N, C-alpha and C. Protein backbone atom coordinates (compact mmCIF):
# COMPACT_ATOMS: atom_id res chain seq x y z
N UNK A 1 4.20 -9.73 -35.09
CA UNK A 1 3.38 -9.60 -33.91
C UNK A 1 4.25 -9.67 -32.66
N UNK A 2 4.01 -8.77 -31.74
CA UNK A 2 4.77 -8.81 -30.50
C UNK A 2 4.19 -9.85 -29.57
N UNK A 3 4.93 -10.14 -28.51
CA UNK A 3 4.46 -11.14 -27.54
C UNK A 3 3.14 -10.73 -26.91
N UNK A 4 2.98 -9.44 -26.59
CA UNK A 4 1.75 -8.96 -25.96
C UNK A 4 0.56 -9.12 -26.89
N UNK A 5 0.76 -8.93 -28.19
CA UNK A 5 -0.33 -9.04 -29.15
C UNK A 5 -0.70 -10.48 -29.45
N UNK A 6 0.24 -11.40 -29.32
CA UNK A 6 -0.02 -12.78 -29.70
C UNK A 6 -0.43 -13.66 -28.53
N UNK A 7 -0.45 -13.11 -27.32
CA UNK A 7 -0.81 -13.92 -26.15
C UNK A 7 -2.32 -14.01 -26.01
N UNK A 8 -2.74 -15.01 -25.26
CA UNK A 8 -4.16 -15.16 -24.96
C UNK A 8 -4.33 -15.27 -23.46
N UNK A 9 -5.18 -14.53 -22.89
CA UNK A 9 -6.01 -13.49 -23.48
C UNK A 9 -5.21 -12.21 -23.69
N UNK A 10 -5.66 -11.43 -24.64
CA UNK A 10 -4.99 -10.15 -24.90
C UNK A 10 -5.32 -9.20 -23.75
N UNK A 11 -4.27 -8.56 -23.23
CA UNK A 11 -4.43 -7.64 -22.09
C UNK A 11 -3.77 -6.31 -22.41
N UNK A 12 -4.27 -5.27 -21.76
CA UNK A 12 -3.65 -3.95 -21.90
C UNK A 12 -2.50 -3.82 -20.92
N UNK A 13 -1.91 -2.64 -20.84
CA UNK A 13 -0.75 -2.41 -19.98
C UNK A 13 -1.08 -2.60 -18.50
N UNK A 14 -2.34 -2.43 -18.13
CA UNK A 14 -2.75 -2.60 -16.73
C UNK A 14 -3.16 -4.04 -16.41
N UNK A 15 -3.10 -4.93 -17.38
CA UNK A 15 -3.45 -6.33 -17.15
C UNK A 15 -4.92 -6.66 -17.35
N UNK A 16 -5.68 -5.73 -17.93
CA UNK A 16 -7.11 -5.95 -18.17
C UNK A 16 -7.32 -6.63 -19.52
N UNK A 17 -8.23 -7.57 -19.56
CA UNK A 17 -8.57 -8.23 -20.83
C UNK A 17 -9.22 -7.20 -21.74
N UNK A 18 -8.77 -7.14 -23.00
CA UNK A 18 -9.19 -6.06 -23.90
C UNK A 18 -10.32 -6.44 -24.85
N UNK A 19 -10.65 -7.71 -24.98
CA UNK A 19 -11.70 -8.11 -25.92
C UNK A 19 -12.71 -9.02 -25.23
N UNK A 20 -13.98 -8.79 -25.51
CA UNK A 20 -15.03 -9.61 -24.90
C UNK A 20 -14.89 -11.06 -25.34
N UNK A 21 -14.43 -11.28 -26.56
CA UNK A 21 -14.25 -12.67 -27.02
C UNK A 21 -13.20 -13.40 -26.20
N UNK A 22 -12.16 -12.68 -25.79
CA UNK A 22 -11.13 -13.29 -24.95
C UNK A 22 -11.68 -13.63 -23.57
N UNK A 23 -12.45 -12.71 -22.99
CA UNK A 23 -13.03 -12.97 -21.67
C UNK A 23 -14.02 -14.13 -21.73
N UNK A 24 -14.89 -14.12 -22.74
CA UNK A 24 -15.86 -15.21 -22.87
C UNK A 24 -15.16 -16.55 -23.15
N UNK A 25 -14.14 -16.52 -24.00
CA UNK A 25 -13.40 -17.75 -24.31
C UNK A 25 -12.69 -18.31 -23.10
N UNK A 26 -12.09 -17.44 -22.32
CA UNK A 26 -11.39 -17.86 -21.11
C UNK A 26 -12.38 -18.39 -20.07
N UNK A 27 -13.51 -17.72 -19.92
CA UNK A 27 -14.54 -18.18 -18.98
C UNK A 27 -15.11 -19.52 -19.42
N UNK A 28 -15.35 -19.68 -20.71
CA UNK A 28 -15.87 -20.95 -21.24
C UNK A 28 -14.86 -22.08 -21.04
N UNK A 29 -13.59 -21.80 -21.30
CA UNK A 29 -12.56 -22.82 -21.10
C UNK A 29 -12.49 -23.23 -19.63
N UNK A 30 -12.54 -22.25 -18.74
CA UNK A 30 -12.54 -22.55 -17.31
C UNK A 30 -13.76 -23.36 -16.90
N UNK A 31 -14.91 -23.02 -17.48
CA UNK A 31 -16.14 -23.76 -17.18
C UNK A 31 -16.05 -25.20 -17.67
N UNK A 32 -15.54 -25.41 -18.86
CA UNK A 32 -15.40 -26.76 -19.40
C UNK A 32 -14.44 -27.59 -18.54
N UNK A 33 -13.33 -27.00 -18.14
CA UNK A 33 -12.39 -27.72 -17.28
C UNK A 33 -13.04 -28.05 -15.94
N UNK A 34 -13.78 -27.10 -15.39
CA UNK A 34 -14.49 -27.34 -14.14
C UNK A 34 -15.53 -28.44 -14.26
N UNK A 35 -16.26 -28.45 -15.37
CA UNK A 35 -17.27 -29.50 -15.60
C UNK A 35 -16.60 -30.86 -15.72
N UNK A 36 -15.53 -30.93 -16.49
CA UNK A 36 -14.83 -32.21 -16.65
C UNK A 36 -14.30 -32.73 -15.31
N UNK A 37 -13.69 -31.86 -14.53
CA UNK A 37 -13.17 -32.27 -13.22
C UNK A 37 -14.31 -32.72 -12.31
N UNK A 38 -15.40 -31.99 -12.33
CA UNK A 38 -16.55 -32.32 -11.49
C UNK A 38 -17.16 -33.66 -11.87
N UNK A 39 -17.29 -33.91 -13.17
CA UNK A 39 -17.85 -35.19 -13.64
C UNK A 39 -16.93 -36.34 -13.25
N UNK A 40 -15.62 -36.14 -13.38
CA UNK A 40 -14.67 -37.19 -13.00
C UNK A 40 -14.77 -37.48 -11.50
N UNK A 41 -14.74 -36.43 -10.68
CA UNK A 41 -14.84 -36.63 -9.24
C UNK A 41 -16.16 -37.29 -8.85
N UNK A 42 -17.25 -36.85 -9.45
CA UNK A 42 -18.55 -37.43 -9.14
C UNK A 42 -18.60 -38.90 -9.57
N UNK A 43 -17.99 -39.19 -10.71
CA UNK A 43 -17.93 -40.58 -11.18
C UNK A 43 -17.10 -41.46 -10.26
N UNK A 44 -15.97 -40.96 -9.81
CA UNK A 44 -15.12 -41.73 -8.89
C UNK A 44 -15.85 -41.97 -7.57
N UNK A 45 -16.48 -40.95 -7.03
CA UNK A 45 -17.24 -41.12 -5.79
C UNK A 45 -18.38 -42.12 -5.98
N UNK A 46 -19.00 -42.10 -7.14
CA UNK A 46 -20.07 -43.05 -7.43
C UNK A 46 -19.53 -44.48 -7.49
N UNK A 47 -18.38 -44.65 -8.11
CA UNK A 47 -17.77 -45.98 -8.20
C UNK A 47 -17.34 -46.50 -6.83
N UNK A 48 -17.00 -45.59 -5.93
CA UNK A 48 -16.61 -45.98 -4.58
C UNK A 48 -17.81 -46.11 -3.64
N UNK A 49 -19.00 -46.05 -4.20
CA UNK A 49 -20.26 -46.13 -3.43
C UNK A 49 -20.35 -45.04 -2.36
N UNK A 50 -19.86 -43.85 -2.69
CA UNK A 50 -19.95 -42.72 -1.77
C UNK A 50 -21.08 -41.78 -2.18
N UNK A 51 -21.94 -42.23 -3.05
CA UNK A 51 -23.08 -41.44 -3.53
C UNK A 51 -23.45 -41.86 -4.93
N UNK A 52 -24.56 -41.35 -5.38
CA UNK A 52 -25.02 -41.64 -6.74
C UNK A 52 -24.43 -40.63 -7.71
N UNK A 53 -24.17 -41.08 -8.92
CA UNK A 53 -23.63 -40.18 -9.94
C UNK A 53 -24.69 -39.12 -10.27
N UNK A 54 -24.25 -37.89 -10.37
CA UNK A 54 -25.15 -36.79 -10.70
C UNK A 54 -25.69 -36.05 -9.50
N UNK A 55 -25.26 -36.44 -8.31
CA UNK A 55 -25.76 -35.79 -7.10
C UNK A 55 -24.85 -34.66 -6.59
N UNK A 56 -23.69 -34.49 -7.21
CA UNK A 56 -22.80 -33.38 -6.81
C UNK A 56 -23.40 -32.07 -7.30
N UNK A 57 -23.04 -30.99 -6.66
CA UNK A 57 -23.53 -29.67 -7.08
C UNK A 57 -22.77 -29.19 -8.31
N UNK A 58 -23.48 -29.00 -9.38
CA UNK A 58 -22.87 -28.52 -10.61
C UNK A 58 -22.38 -27.09 -10.53
N UNK A 59 -22.84 -26.35 -9.50
CA UNK A 59 -22.37 -24.98 -9.31
C UNK A 59 -20.86 -24.93 -9.09
N UNK A 60 -20.26 -26.03 -8.64
CA UNK A 60 -18.81 -26.05 -8.41
C UNK A 60 -18.01 -25.82 -9.69
N UNK A 61 -18.64 -26.02 -10.84
CA UNK A 61 -17.95 -25.82 -12.11
C UNK A 61 -17.61 -24.35 -12.34
N UNK A 62 -18.15 -23.46 -11.53
CA UNK A 62 -17.93 -22.03 -11.72
C UNK A 62 -16.63 -21.53 -11.09
N UNK A 63 -15.90 -22.40 -10.41
CA UNK A 63 -14.71 -21.97 -9.66
C UNK A 63 -13.68 -21.29 -10.56
N UNK A 64 -13.31 -21.88 -11.67
CA UNK A 64 -12.28 -21.26 -12.53
C UNK A 64 -12.77 -19.97 -13.18
N UNK A 65 -14.00 -19.92 -13.71
CA UNK A 65 -14.45 -18.62 -14.23
C UNK A 65 -14.48 -17.52 -13.16
N UNK A 66 -14.87 -17.85 -11.94
CA UNK A 66 -14.87 -16.83 -10.88
C UNK A 66 -13.45 -16.36 -10.61
N UNK A 67 -12.50 -17.25 -10.67
CA UNK A 67 -11.10 -16.87 -10.49
C UNK A 67 -10.69 -15.84 -11.56
N UNK A 68 -11.10 -16.08 -12.80
CA UNK A 68 -10.82 -15.15 -13.89
C UNK A 68 -11.46 -13.80 -13.60
N UNK A 69 -12.71 -13.82 -13.13
CA UNK A 69 -13.41 -12.57 -12.85
C UNK A 69 -12.75 -11.82 -11.69
N UNK A 70 -12.24 -12.54 -10.71
CA UNK A 70 -11.53 -11.89 -9.61
C UNK A 70 -10.25 -11.22 -10.12
N UNK A 71 -9.54 -11.88 -11.01
CA UNK A 71 -8.33 -11.29 -11.58
C UNK A 71 -8.66 -10.04 -12.38
N UNK A 72 -9.76 -10.07 -13.12
CA UNK A 72 -10.20 -8.88 -13.85
C UNK A 72 -10.55 -7.76 -12.88
N UNK A 73 -11.23 -8.09 -11.80
CA UNK A 73 -11.57 -7.10 -10.78
C UNK A 73 -10.32 -6.45 -10.23
N UNK A 74 -9.32 -7.26 -9.94
CA UNK A 74 -8.06 -6.73 -9.40
C UNK A 74 -7.34 -5.86 -10.42
N UNK A 75 -7.45 -6.18 -11.71
CA UNK A 75 -6.78 -5.41 -12.75
C UNK A 75 -7.37 -4.00 -12.88
N UNK A 76 -8.62 -3.84 -12.52
CA UNK A 76 -9.27 -2.52 -12.57
C UNK A 76 -9.12 -1.84 -11.21
N UNK A 77 -7.94 -1.75 -10.70
CA UNK A 77 -7.67 -1.23 -9.36
C UNK A 77 -8.23 0.18 -9.17
N UNK A 78 -8.79 0.37 -8.00
CA UNK A 78 -9.26 1.69 -7.61
C UNK A 78 -10.62 2.05 -8.17
N UNK A 79 -11.28 2.90 -7.44
CA UNK A 79 -12.53 3.44 -7.92
C UNK A 79 -13.75 2.61 -7.59
N UNK A 80 -14.88 3.29 -7.41
CA UNK A 80 -16.13 2.60 -7.09
C UNK A 80 -16.76 1.91 -8.31
N UNK A 81 -16.31 2.25 -9.51
CA UNK A 81 -16.92 1.67 -10.71
C UNK A 81 -16.77 0.15 -10.72
N UNK A 82 -15.62 -0.35 -10.33
CA UNK A 82 -15.42 -1.80 -10.36
C UNK A 82 -16.29 -2.50 -9.33
N UNK A 83 -16.52 -1.87 -8.20
CA UNK A 83 -17.37 -2.47 -7.17
C UNK A 83 -18.81 -2.52 -7.67
N UNK A 84 -19.28 -1.43 -8.27
CA UNK A 84 -20.64 -1.39 -8.80
C UNK A 84 -20.84 -2.43 -9.90
N UNK A 85 -19.88 -2.49 -10.84
CA UNK A 85 -20.00 -3.45 -11.94
C UNK A 85 -19.98 -4.88 -11.42
N UNK A 86 -19.13 -5.15 -10.45
CA UNK A 86 -19.04 -6.51 -9.89
C UNK A 86 -20.32 -6.88 -9.15
N UNK A 87 -20.87 -5.96 -8.37
CA UNK A 87 -22.10 -6.26 -7.62
C UNK A 87 -23.29 -6.47 -8.55
N UNK A 88 -23.43 -5.61 -9.55
CA UNK A 88 -24.54 -5.77 -10.50
C UNK A 88 -24.37 -7.06 -11.29
N UNK A 89 -23.16 -7.33 -11.76
CA UNK A 89 -22.90 -8.56 -12.50
C UNK A 89 -23.18 -9.80 -11.67
N UNK A 90 -22.75 -9.79 -10.42
CA UNK A 90 -22.98 -10.94 -9.54
C UNK A 90 -24.46 -11.12 -9.25
N UNK A 91 -25.17 -10.03 -8.98
CA UNK A 91 -26.60 -10.13 -8.67
C UNK A 91 -27.38 -10.67 -9.86
N UNK A 92 -27.12 -10.13 -11.03
CA UNK A 92 -27.83 -10.60 -12.22
C UNK A 92 -27.39 -12.01 -12.59
N UNK A 93 -26.10 -12.30 -12.49
CA UNK A 93 -25.59 -13.64 -12.81
C UNK A 93 -26.16 -14.71 -11.91
N UNK A 94 -26.19 -14.46 -10.60
CA UNK A 94 -26.75 -15.44 -9.66
C UNK A 94 -28.24 -15.61 -9.89
N UNK A 95 -28.95 -14.50 -10.10
CA UNK A 95 -30.39 -14.59 -10.36
C UNK A 95 -30.68 -15.40 -11.62
N UNK A 96 -29.96 -15.10 -12.69
CA UNK A 96 -30.15 -15.85 -13.93
C UNK A 96 -29.78 -17.32 -13.74
N UNK A 97 -28.69 -17.57 -13.03
CA UNK A 97 -28.27 -18.94 -12.76
C UNK A 97 -29.32 -19.72 -11.99
N UNK A 98 -29.91 -19.09 -10.98
CA UNK A 98 -30.95 -19.75 -10.20
C UNK A 98 -32.20 -20.02 -11.04
N UNK A 99 -32.54 -19.08 -11.91
CA UNK A 99 -33.69 -19.30 -12.81
C UNK A 99 -33.44 -20.48 -13.74
N UNK A 100 -32.24 -20.53 -14.31
CA UNK A 100 -31.90 -21.64 -15.21
C UNK A 100 -31.90 -22.96 -14.44
N UNK A 101 -31.34 -22.96 -13.24
CA UNK A 101 -31.32 -24.18 -12.41
C UNK A 101 -32.75 -24.65 -12.12
N UNK A 102 -33.64 -23.71 -11.87
CA UNK A 102 -35.02 -24.07 -11.61
C UNK A 102 -35.71 -24.66 -12.83
N UNK A 103 -35.40 -24.13 -13.99
CA UNK A 103 -36.01 -24.62 -15.22
C UNK A 103 -35.56 -26.05 -15.53
N UNK A 104 -34.29 -26.34 -15.29
CA UNK A 104 -33.76 -27.68 -15.62
C UNK A 104 -33.55 -28.54 -14.37
N UNK A 105 -34.28 -28.25 -13.31
CA UNK A 105 -34.08 -28.97 -12.04
C UNK A 105 -34.37 -30.46 -12.15
N UNK A 106 -35.18 -30.86 -13.09
CA UNK A 106 -35.48 -32.27 -13.26
C UNK A 106 -34.29 -33.09 -13.73
N UNK A 107 -33.26 -32.42 -14.23
CA UNK A 107 -32.08 -33.13 -14.73
C UNK A 107 -31.16 -33.57 -13.60
N UNK A 108 -31.39 -33.12 -12.40
CA UNK A 108 -30.54 -33.48 -11.26
C UNK A 108 -29.60 -32.37 -10.90
N UNK A 109 -29.04 -32.44 -9.69
CA UNK A 109 -28.19 -31.35 -9.18
C UNK A 109 -26.94 -31.08 -10.02
N UNK A 110 -26.32 -32.13 -10.53
CA UNK A 110 -25.10 -31.94 -11.31
C UNK A 110 -25.39 -31.15 -12.58
N UNK A 111 -26.35 -31.59 -13.34
CA UNK A 111 -26.63 -31.00 -14.64
C UNK A 111 -27.33 -29.65 -14.53
N UNK A 112 -28.24 -29.51 -13.57
CA UNK A 112 -28.89 -28.20 -13.41
C UNK A 112 -27.88 -27.18 -12.88
N UNK A 113 -26.98 -27.61 -12.02
CA UNK A 113 -25.94 -26.71 -11.52
C UNK A 113 -24.96 -26.29 -12.60
N UNK A 114 -24.63 -27.22 -13.49
CA UNK A 114 -23.74 -26.88 -14.61
C UNK A 114 -24.40 -25.86 -15.52
N UNK A 115 -25.67 -26.06 -15.81
CA UNK A 115 -26.41 -25.09 -16.64
C UNK A 115 -26.46 -23.73 -15.96
N UNK A 116 -26.69 -23.74 -14.65
CA UNK A 116 -26.74 -22.49 -13.89
C UNK A 116 -25.38 -21.80 -13.88
N UNK A 117 -24.33 -22.57 -13.71
CA UNK A 117 -22.97 -22.01 -13.71
C UNK A 117 -22.65 -21.38 -15.07
N UNK A 118 -23.07 -22.03 -16.15
CA UNK A 118 -22.84 -21.48 -17.49
C UNK A 118 -23.61 -20.18 -17.67
N UNK A 119 -24.86 -20.14 -17.21
CA UNK A 119 -25.66 -18.92 -17.32
C UNK A 119 -25.02 -17.79 -16.50
N UNK A 120 -24.57 -18.11 -15.29
CA UNK A 120 -23.90 -17.11 -14.45
C UNK A 120 -22.66 -16.57 -15.15
N UNK A 121 -21.82 -17.46 -15.66
CA UNK A 121 -20.56 -17.04 -16.29
C UNK A 121 -20.81 -16.14 -17.49
N UNK A 122 -21.78 -16.49 -18.31
CA UNK A 122 -22.09 -15.69 -19.49
C UNK A 122 -22.63 -14.32 -19.07
N UNK A 123 -23.59 -14.30 -18.17
CA UNK A 123 -24.18 -13.03 -17.73
C UNK A 123 -23.14 -12.14 -17.06
N UNK A 124 -22.37 -12.71 -16.15
CA UNK A 124 -21.39 -11.90 -15.44
C UNK A 124 -20.34 -11.34 -16.39
N UNK A 125 -19.84 -12.17 -17.30
CA UNK A 125 -18.81 -11.71 -18.23
C UNK A 125 -19.30 -10.54 -19.07
N UNK A 126 -20.51 -10.66 -19.59
CA UNK A 126 -21.05 -9.58 -20.43
C UNK A 126 -21.28 -8.31 -19.62
N UNK A 127 -21.89 -8.45 -18.45
CA UNK A 127 -22.17 -7.27 -17.62
C UNK A 127 -20.87 -6.63 -17.14
N UNK A 128 -19.93 -7.45 -16.72
CA UNK A 128 -18.65 -6.92 -16.24
C UNK A 128 -17.91 -6.18 -17.35
N UNK A 129 -17.74 -6.85 -18.49
CA UNK A 129 -16.91 -6.28 -19.55
C UNK A 129 -17.47 -4.95 -20.03
N UNK A 130 -18.74 -4.92 -20.36
CA UNK A 130 -19.32 -3.68 -20.87
C UNK A 130 -19.64 -2.70 -19.76
N UNK A 131 -20.05 -3.19 -18.61
CA UNK A 131 -20.41 -2.32 -17.50
C UNK A 131 -19.24 -1.56 -16.93
N UNK A 132 -18.11 -2.23 -16.72
CA UNK A 132 -16.95 -1.56 -16.12
C UNK A 132 -16.42 -0.49 -17.07
N UNK A 133 -16.45 -0.75 -18.34
CA UNK A 133 -15.96 0.24 -19.30
C UNK A 133 -16.90 1.44 -19.37
N UNK A 134 -18.19 1.19 -19.35
CA UNK A 134 -19.16 2.27 -19.39
C UNK A 134 -19.04 3.12 -18.11
N UNK A 135 -18.98 2.47 -16.96
CA UNK A 135 -18.86 3.19 -15.70
C UNK A 135 -17.53 3.96 -15.61
N UNK A 136 -16.46 3.36 -16.08
CA UNK A 136 -15.16 4.04 -16.03
C UNK A 136 -15.15 5.29 -16.90
N UNK A 137 -15.80 5.21 -18.07
CA UNK A 137 -15.89 6.40 -18.94
C UNK A 137 -16.72 7.49 -18.26
N UNK A 138 -17.81 7.11 -17.63
CA UNK A 138 -18.68 8.10 -16.97
C UNK A 138 -18.01 8.73 -15.76
N UNK A 139 -17.20 7.93 -15.05
CA UNK A 139 -16.52 8.45 -13.87
C UNK A 139 -15.31 9.31 -14.24
N UNK A 140 -14.83 9.14 -15.47
CA UNK A 140 -13.69 9.94 -15.92
C UNK A 140 -12.44 9.24 -15.66
């Protein structure tokens, strides 16, 4: 196996992630790291009497997955297809995230935000990965 084939995530010559499992795995790993960091920070602030635990916005856990999505956007340089796929993915991801946050709002801002961030990351990754490829094929 060459270095390019054995690396994670697997990328093509243009730097684009080539498998949906790699994109989802990377987004999930980023989300988990974001959740852990957020819980630690919220816990420390709670211990310092700077607020109650669970009152931080769980949406902050989406920072690393969004970074991954921005890098994917940059890898698909040029063309309106990437803008369309990103806008549709973001619109559907945010809408789904807000719906999930509303359903679990009784759990508090931290936990409902984390659930919303997970829904956003999943929706955006799926729409982006399949949408950009479909649009790129149609555009030629």
